[in-house]
Amino acid sequence: MVGAPKRGKSTFIRNLVALTARNSRQSAGNGAQSDFLGAKLLGGPVVYLALEDDEHAMASAFRGLGATDADPIYCQIGPVSFRGDDMAIEWLSRRIETTKARLVVIDPLFRFIRMRSVTNYAAVTQALEPLLHLARDSGCHILTTHHTTKTK
């Protein structure tokens, strides 16, 4: 999901996360579905990497959406540090496996996949390939955010 900063990307995603987790809790793993923007949404645990947020803001946002401690939302809040992108992918793979996540949110992407420049298409594609493989191998949807910059 791409857009200018402070335009509602995180709010939109938190609504998706809360509903996904709530469906998981309501179905006790039996795949309850709800509508989200006119499409069926299958429930399941969620791993949310809120790499630019703070714990209080995240808790307040999810409580405002009706989330409870019973909802399987597993948050990593604030910056994370890895010695390399491979370690970040390995860490995320373990989180998906241990939580049985059906959805992962990385907000924003380039705080997780570190790159000097995002303007080189080939380099970006190469950096994102392990994330794509992880999504395919795990069957987990990985949703990322990216901030656009102002242009004149």
Protein backbone atom coordinates (compact mmCIF):
# COMPACT_ATOMS: atom_id res chain seq x y z
CA MET A 1 0.00 0.00 0.00
CA VAL A 2 1.58 3.23 -1.15
CA GLY A 3 0.61 6.79 -0.33
CA ALA A 4 1.73 10.08 1.07
CA PRO A 5 2.46 10.23 4.81
CA LYS A 6 -0.52 10.85 7.10
CA ARG A 7 -3.13 9.93 4.48
CA GLY A 8 -4.72 6.96 6.27
CA LYS A 9 -2.68 3.93 5.21
CA SER A 10 -2.10 2.76 8.78
CA THR A 11 -5.73 3.42 9.79
CA PHE A 12 -6.98 1.41 6.82
CA ILE A 13 -4.58 -1.44 7.62
CA ARG A 14 -5.44 -1.48 11.34
CA ASN A 15 -9.10 -1.95 10.41
CA LEU A 16 -8.10 -4.90 8.22
CA VAL A 17 -5.91 -6.34 10.99
CA ALA A 18 -8.60 -6.02 13.68
CA LEU A 19 -11.23 -7.71 11.49
CA THR A 20 -8.85 -10.49 10.44
CA ALA A 21 -7.95 -11.22 14.06
CA ARG A 22 -11.57 -10.96 15.23
CA ASN A 23 -12.64 -13.47 12.58
CA SER A 24 -9.94 -15.81 13.88
CA ARG A 25 -11.17 -15.50 17.45
CA GLN A 26 -14.85 -15.89 16.52
CA SER A 27 -14.25 -18.99 14.46
CA ALA A 28 -11.69 -20.57 16.80
CA GLY A 29 -9.63 -21.40 13.73
CA ASN A 30 -12.54 -22.60 11.57
CA GLY A 31 -12.11 -19.85 8.99
CA ALA A 32 -14.92 -17.39 9.77
CA GLN A 33 -15.40 -14.77 7.10
CA SER A 34 -16.56 -11.17 7.12
CA ASP A 35 -16.90 -8.62 4.37
CA PHE A 36 -14.17 -6.04 3.98
CA LEU A 37 -14.75 -3.51 1.22
CA GLY A 38 -17.13 -5.92 -0.49
CA ALA A 39 -14.82 -8.94 -0.43
CA LYS A 40 -14.82 -11.96 1.86
CA LEU A 41 -12.09 -11.75 4.48
CA LEU A 42 -10.83 -14.97 6.04
CA GLY A 43 -9.77 -14.73 9.67
CA GLY A 44 -6.50 -15.69 11.26
CA PRO A 45 -3.67 -14.51 13.48
CA VAL A 46 -1.82 -11.36 12.43
CA VAL A 47 1.79 -10.26 12.88
CA TYR A 48 2.02 -6.46 12.75
CA LEU A 49 5.41 -4.75 12.47
CA ALA A 50 4.67 -1.13 13.41
CA LEU A 51 8.20 0.11 12.88
CA GLU A 52 7.45 3.83 13.27
CA ASP A 53 4.80 3.71 15.99
CA ASP A 54 4.83 3.56 19.75
CA GLU A 55 3.11 1.04 21.98
CA HIS A 56 0.57 3.45 23.47
CA ALA A 57 -0.60 4.67 20.05
CA MET A 58 -0.95 1.11 18.75
CA ALA A 59 -2.86 -0.11 21.80
CA SER A 60 -5.17 2.90 21.66
CA ALA A 61 -5.81 2.44 17.94
CA PHE A 62 -6.69 -1.25 18.28
CA ARG A 63 -8.84 -0.70 21.37
CA GLY A 64 -10.73 1.98 19.42
CA LEU A 65 -11.47 -0.66 16.78
CA GLY A 66 -12.85 -3.06 19.39
CA ALA A 67 -9.82 -5.34 19.58
CA THR A 68 -9.28 -7.19 22.84
CA ASP A 69 -6.41 -9.13 24.37
CA ALA A 70 -8.11 -12.27 23.04
CA ASP A 71 -7.55 -11.19 19.43
CA PRO A 72 -4.43 -12.84 17.95
CA ILE A 73 -2.57 -9.68 16.96
CA TYR A 74 1.17 -10.00 17.55
CA CYS A 75 2.87 -6.60 17.38
CA GLN A 76 6.50 -5.65 17.01
CA ILE A 77 6.47 -1.96 17.83
CA GLY A 78 9.25 0.46 17.05
CA PRO A 79 12.50 -0.09 15.22
CA VAL A 80 14.12 -3.50 14.97
CA SER A 81 17.76 -4.14 14.24
CA PHE A 82 19.14 -7.12 12.39
CA ARG A 83 22.64 -7.74 11.14
CA GLY A 84 21.35 -8.26 7.63
CA ASP A 85 18.21 -8.71 5.57
CA ASP A 86 18.57 -12.50 5.74
CA MET A 87 18.26 -12.34 9.53
CA ALA A 88 15.13 -10.18 9.22
CA ILE A 89 13.51 -12.72 6.89
CA GLU A 90 14.51 -15.59 9.20
CA TRP A 91 13.03 -13.74 12.19
CA LEU A 92 9.79 -13.07 10.32
CA SER A 93 9.60 -16.67 9.12
CA ARG A 94 9.83 -17.90 12.73
CA ARG A 95 7.13 -15.42 13.81
CA ILE A 96 4.79 -16.64 11.05
CA GLU A 97 5.45 -20.25 12.02
CA THR A 98 4.99 -19.80 15.78
CA THR A 99 1.88 -17.60 15.54
CA LYS A 100 0.31 -19.42 12.55
CA ALA A 101 -0.18 -15.96 11.03
CA ARG A 102 -2.37 -15.61 7.95
CA LEU A 103 -1.50 -11.91 7.58
CA VAL A 104 1.72 -9.97 8.18
CA VAL A 105 1.86 -6.19 8.01
CA ILE A 106 5.19 -4.42 7.61
CA ASP A 107 4.69 -0.69 8.18
CA PRO A 108 6.75 0.75 6.51
CA LEU A 109 8.54 -1.74 4.28
CA PHE A 110 11.88 0.03 3.99
CA ARG A 111 12.40 0.10 7.76
CA PHE A 112 12.42 -3.71 7.55
CA ILE A 113 14.25 -4.17 4.23
CA ARG A 114 17.07 -1.68 4.44
CA MET A 115 18.21 -0.12 1.21
CA ARG A 116 20.29 2.94 0.39
CA SER A 117 18.01 3.89 -2.50
CA VAL A 118 14.58 2.70 -3.58
CA THR A 119 14.89 4.13 -7.08
CA ASN A 120 16.84 1.20 -8.57
CA TYR A 121 14.13 -1.22 -9.77
CA ALA A 122 16.48 -4.22 -10.09
CA ALA A 123 17.94 -3.72 -6.60
CA VAL A 124 14.48 -3.30 -5.03
CA THR A 125 13.20 -6.42 -6.80
CA GLN A 126 16.21 -8.41 -5.61
CA ALA A 127 15.80 -7.15 -2.02
CA LEU A 128 12.11 -8.05 -1.96
CA GLU A 129 12.50 -11.51 -3.47
CA PRO A 130 13.07 -13.30 -0.12
CA LEU A 131 9.88 -11.67 1.21
CA LEU A 132 7.96 -12.89 -1.82
CA HIS A 133 9.30 -16.42 -1.32
CA LEU A 134 8.37 -16.31 2.36
CA ALA A 135 4.79 -15.36 1.50
CA ARG A 136 4.53 -18.14 -1.08
CA ASP A 137 6.17 -20.78 1.11
CA SER A 138 4.17 -19.95 4.25
CA GLY A 139 0.81 -19.22 2.60
CA CYS A 140 0.72 -16.00 4.63
CA HIS A 141 -0.27 -12.71 3.02
CA ILE A 142 2.38 -10.04 3.54
CA LEU A 143 1.09 -6.48 3.26
CA THR A 144 3.60 -3.65 3.27
CA THR A 145 3.38 0.12 3.29
CA HIS A 146 5.55 2.67 1.56
CA HIS A 147 5.51 6.45 1.83
CA THR A 148 5.53 8.47 -1.34
CA THR A 149 7.45 11.72 -1.35
CA LYS A 150 6.21 15.14 -2.26
CA THR A 151 7.00 16.23 -5.78
CA LYS A 152 6.49 19.57 -7.51
